[in-house]
């Protein structure tokens, strides 16, 4: 079973995360940031991963440190669970609607971190959650996991819907890229990812 457990403790946050790639879509997220918990639940459910996250931090300052550190730990867990990447599909993509919103996501688990962030979010906040943290979340996952991620908003006016569509698209693309292809070895002419 492809799984990983990662802990991270800093002066700002304390995070414990368990990821099972070949799961059933179950999630138990307790971060203290409701909107982040909702997005993590979407990621697990639509990616077919099992995810457990316990996190605390300096939320009295703002949500930035906690959101970014959860993403770093998630990226570390992905990298660890994928191990040598033998037999994975490597690439994945999805286009997901959410009411008036439509978001495309493409993923390459090739080991080179790169984020092309193309979401245009009209609001500055969803309830108390600062919208600029969505890009920070994706950037931290990408850098930590060593993946290439392209996100494109094709339509949308409602900030919540756009973000939700992006997490669902990311989940589906990531599940496709991490899936076993049925071919042995590493999917690269270099022989290593």
Protein backbone atom coordinates (compact mmCIF):
# COMPACT_ATOMS: atom_id res chain seq x y z
CA UNK A 1 0.00 0.00 0.00
CA UNK A 2 1.35 3.42 -0.96
CA UNK A 3 1.13 5.55 2.15
CA UNK A 4 3.09 8.05 4.22
CA UNK A 5 3.02 9.68 7.62
CA UNK A 6 4.74 13.03 8.06
CA UNK A 7 5.07 15.36 11.05
CA UNK A 8 6.36 18.91 11.10
CA UNK A 9 6.85 21.06 14.17
CA UNK A 10 8.06 24.65 14.05
CA UNK A 11 7.71 27.63 16.39
CA UNK A 12 4.63 28.59 14.35
CA UNK A 13 2.84 25.29 13.63
CA UNK A 14 2.52 21.64 14.59
CA UNK A 15 1.25 19.26 11.90
CA UNK A 16 0.69 15.52 11.71
CA UNK A 17 -0.52 14.09 8.39
CA UNK A 18 -1.27 10.59 7.15
CA UNK A 19 -1.87 9.91 3.44
CA UNK A 20 -2.94 6.69 1.73
CA UNK A 21 -2.82 7.07 -2.05
CA UNK A 22 -4.87 3.94 -2.77
CA UNK A 23 -7.64 4.77 -0.35
CA UNK A 24 -11.39 5.23 -0.44
CA UNK A 25 -11.68 9.02 -0.32
CA UNK A 26 -11.93 9.41 3.43
CA UNK A 27 -10.74 12.56 5.17
CA UNK A 28 -10.39 13.71 8.76
CA UNK A 29 -8.99 17.23 8.74
CA UNK A 30 -8.72 19.30 11.90
CA UNK A 31 -6.62 22.37 11.18
CA UNK A 32 -8.57 25.12 12.88
CA UNK A 33 -9.16 26.69 9.46
CA UNK A 34 -12.62 25.60 8.30
CA UNK A 35 -12.19 26.49 4.63
CA UNK A 36 -8.89 24.58 4.45
CA UNK A 37 -10.52 21.53 6.07
CA UNK A 38 -13.27 21.69 3.42
CA UNK A 39 -10.72 21.84 0.57
CA UNK A 40 -8.68 18.95 2.03
CA UNK A 41 -11.88 16.90 2.24
CA UNK A 42 -12.55 17.62 -1.44
CA UNK A 43 -8.99 16.65 -2.35
CA UNK A 44 -9.25 13.29 -0.57
CA UNK A 45 -12.77 12.48 -1.74
CA UNK A 46 -12.30 13.34 -5.42
CA UNK A 47 -8.77 11.89 -5.57
CA UNK A 48 -9.71 8.65 -3.85
CA UNK A 49 -7.04 9.24 -1.20
CA UNK A 50 -7.40 8.66 2.53
CA UNK A 51 -6.16 11.72 4.37
CA UNK A 52 -5.85 12.53 8.06
CA UNK A 53 -4.55 15.94 9.16
CA UNK A 54 -4.15 17.28 12.70
CA UNK A 55 -2.74 20.80 12.78
CA UNK A 56 -2.42 23.72 15.15
CA UNK A 57 -0.59 26.98 14.91
CA UNK A 58 -0.44 30.71 15.39
CA UNK A 59 -3.91 31.42 14.01
CA UNK A 60 -4.05 34.48 16.27
CA UNK A 61 -1.50 36.02 13.86
CA UNK A 62 -3.23 34.84 10.66
CA UNK A 63 -3.83 31.62 8.71
CA UNK A 64 -0.77 31.92 6.46
CA UNK A 65 1.76 29.82 8.39
CA UNK A 66 -0.68 26.99 9.02
CA UNK A 67 -2.02 26.81 5.45
CA UNK A 68 1.46 26.88 3.95
CA UNK A 69 2.87 24.32 6.41
CA UNK A 70 -0.04 21.91 5.86
CA UNK A 71 0.70 22.14 2.13
CA UNK A 72 4.42 21.50 2.70
CA UNK A 73 3.62 18.41 4.76
CA UNK A 74 1.09 17.21 2.16
CA UNK A 75 3.73 17.57 -0.56
CA UNK A 76 6.27 15.68 1.57
CA UNK A 77 3.73 12.89 2.12
CA UNK A 78 2.97 12.65 -1.60
CA UNK A 79 6.67 12.40 -2.41
CA UNK A 80 7.22 9.77 0.28
CA UNK A 81 4.15 7.71 -0.72
CA UNK A 82 5.20 7.70 -4.38
CA UNK A 83 8.72 6.54 -3.39
CA UNK A 84 10.72 5.78 -6.57
CA UNK A 85 7.66 6.38 -8.79
CA UNK A 86 8.01 3.00 -10.50
CA UNK A 87 4.95 2.11 -12.52
CA UNK A 88 3.04 5.38 -12.06
CA UNK A 89 1.25 7.09 -14.94
CA UNK A 90 3.19 10.31 -14.15
CA UNK A 91 0.80 12.67 -15.98
CA UNK A 92 -2.77 13.56 -15.16
CA UNK A 93 -5.31 16.17 -16.13
CA UNK A 94 -8.90 17.10 -15.43
CA UNK A 95 -11.44 19.76 -16.32
CA UNK A 96 -14.03 20.19 -13.57
CA UNK A 97 -17.18 22.33 -13.45
CA UNK A 98 -18.71 23.77 -10.31
CA UNK A 99 -21.88 25.63 -11.22
CA UNK A 100 -20.74 28.63 -13.32
CA UNK A 101 -17.05 27.85 -12.74
CA UNK A 102 -14.80 25.63 -14.84
CA UNK A 103 -11.18 24.84 -13.93
CA UNK A 104 -8.55 22.82 -15.78
CA UNK A 105 -5.63 21.19 -13.98
CA UNK A 106 -2.64 19.32 -15.40
CA UNK A 107 -0.03 17.51 -13.29
CA UNK A 108 3.40 16.01 -14.01
CA UNK A 109 4.98 14.04 -11.17
CA UNK A 110 8.36 14.24 -12.93
CA UNK A 111 10.27 15.71 -10.00
CA UNK A 112 10.69 19.29 -11.21
CA UNK A 113 8.64 21.80 -9.18
CA UNK A 114 6.78 24.40 -11.22
CA UNK A 115 3.46 26.15 -10.63
CA UNK A 116 1.56 27.98 -13.35
CA UNK A 117 -1.28 29.50 -11.36
CA UNK A 118 -4.13 30.76 -13.50
CA UNK A 119 -7.01 31.38 -11.10
CA UNK A 120 -8.62 34.83 -11.12
CA UNK A 121 -10.47 35.06 -7.84
CA UNK A 122 -12.76 38.10 -7.57
CA UNK A 123 -13.15 38.23 -3.76
CA UNK A 124 -10.39 38.87 -1.21
CA UNK A 125 -11.92 36.49 1.34
CA UNK A 126 -14.27 33.57 1.71
CA UNK A 127 -15.71 34.24 5.15
CA UNK A 128 -12.47 34.86 7.14
CA UNK A 129 -10.18 32.89 4.79
CA UNK A 130 -7.75 35.07 2.80
CA UNK A 131 -7.92 34.15 -0.88
CA UNK A 132 -4.22 34.81 -1.58
CA UNK A 133 -3.49 31.71 0.55
CA UNK A 134 -4.84 29.45 -2.23
CA UNK A 135 -1.86 30.24 -4.44
CA UNK A 136 0.47 29.83 -1.44
CA UNK A 137 -1.05 26.41 -0.74
CA UNK A 138 -0.54 25.19 -4.30
CA UNK A 139 3.01 26.60 -4.48
CA UNK A 140 4.02 24.87 -1.24
CA UNK A 141 2.59 21.49 -2.36
CA UNK A 142 4.33 21.79 -5.73
CA UNK A 143 7.72 22.71 -4.26
CA UNK A 144 7.57 20.08 -1.54
CA UNK A 145 6.33 17.22 -3.74
CA UNK A 146 8.47 18.14 -6.76
CA UNK A 147 5.59 18.29 -9.22
CA UNK A 148 4.62 20.41 -12.18
CA UNK A 149 1.13 21.89 -11.79
CA UNK A 150 -0.84 24.03 -14.20
CA UNK A 151 -4.17 25.50 -13.10
CA UNK A 152 -6.42 27.39 -15.52
CA UNK A 153 -9.72 29.01 -14.74
CA UNK A 154 -11.83 28.67 -17.88
CA UNK A 155 -14.97 30.26 -16.41
CA UNK A 156 -16.30 31.50 -13.11
CA UNK A 157 -17.54 34.45 -11.07
CA UNK A 158 -18.04 32.98 -7.60
CA UNK A 159 -14.77 32.76 -5.65
CA UNK A 160 -15.83 29.75 -3.56
CA UNK A 161 -16.94 27.85 -6.67
CA UNK A 162 -13.69 28.58 -8.53
CA UNK A 163 -11.53 27.41 -5.63
CA UNK A 164 -13.66 24.32 -5.10
CA UNK A 165 -13.45 23.44 -8.81
CA UNK A 166 -9.67 23.88 -8.64
CA UNK A 167 -9.30 21.46 -5.72
CA UNK A 168 -11.56 18.88 -7.39
CA UNK A 169 -9.61 19.20 -10.65
CA UNK A 170 -6.31 18.94 -8.77
CA UNK A 171 -7.57 15.83 -6.97
CA UNK A 172 -8.63 14.10 -10.19
CA UNK A 173 -5.44 15.05 -12.05
CA UNK A 174 -3.25 13.97 -9.16
CA UNK A 175 -5.08 10.64 -8.81
CA UNK A 176 -4.60 9.99 -12.52
CA UNK A 177 -0.88 10.87 -12.40
CA UNK A 178 -0.26 8.76 -9.27
CA UNK A 179 -2.21 5.77 -10.58
CA UNK A 180 -0.29 2.65 -11.50
CA UNK A 181 0.00 2.32 -15.26
CA UNK A 182 0.52 -1.42 -15.53
CA UNK A 183 3.98 -0.82 -16.98
CA UNK A 184 7.05 -1.51 -14.88
CA UNK A 185 9.86 0.92 -14.31
CA UNK A 186 9.97 4.67 -14.11
CA UNK A 187 8.05 6.62 -16.81
CA UNK A 188 11.06 8.59 -18.08
CA UNK A 189 13.71 8.09 -20.75
CA UNK A 190 16.21 9.17 -18.09
CA UNK A 191 15.30 6.10 -16.01
CA UNK A 192 14.75 8.19 -12.90
CA UNK A 193 12.28 10.82 -11.69
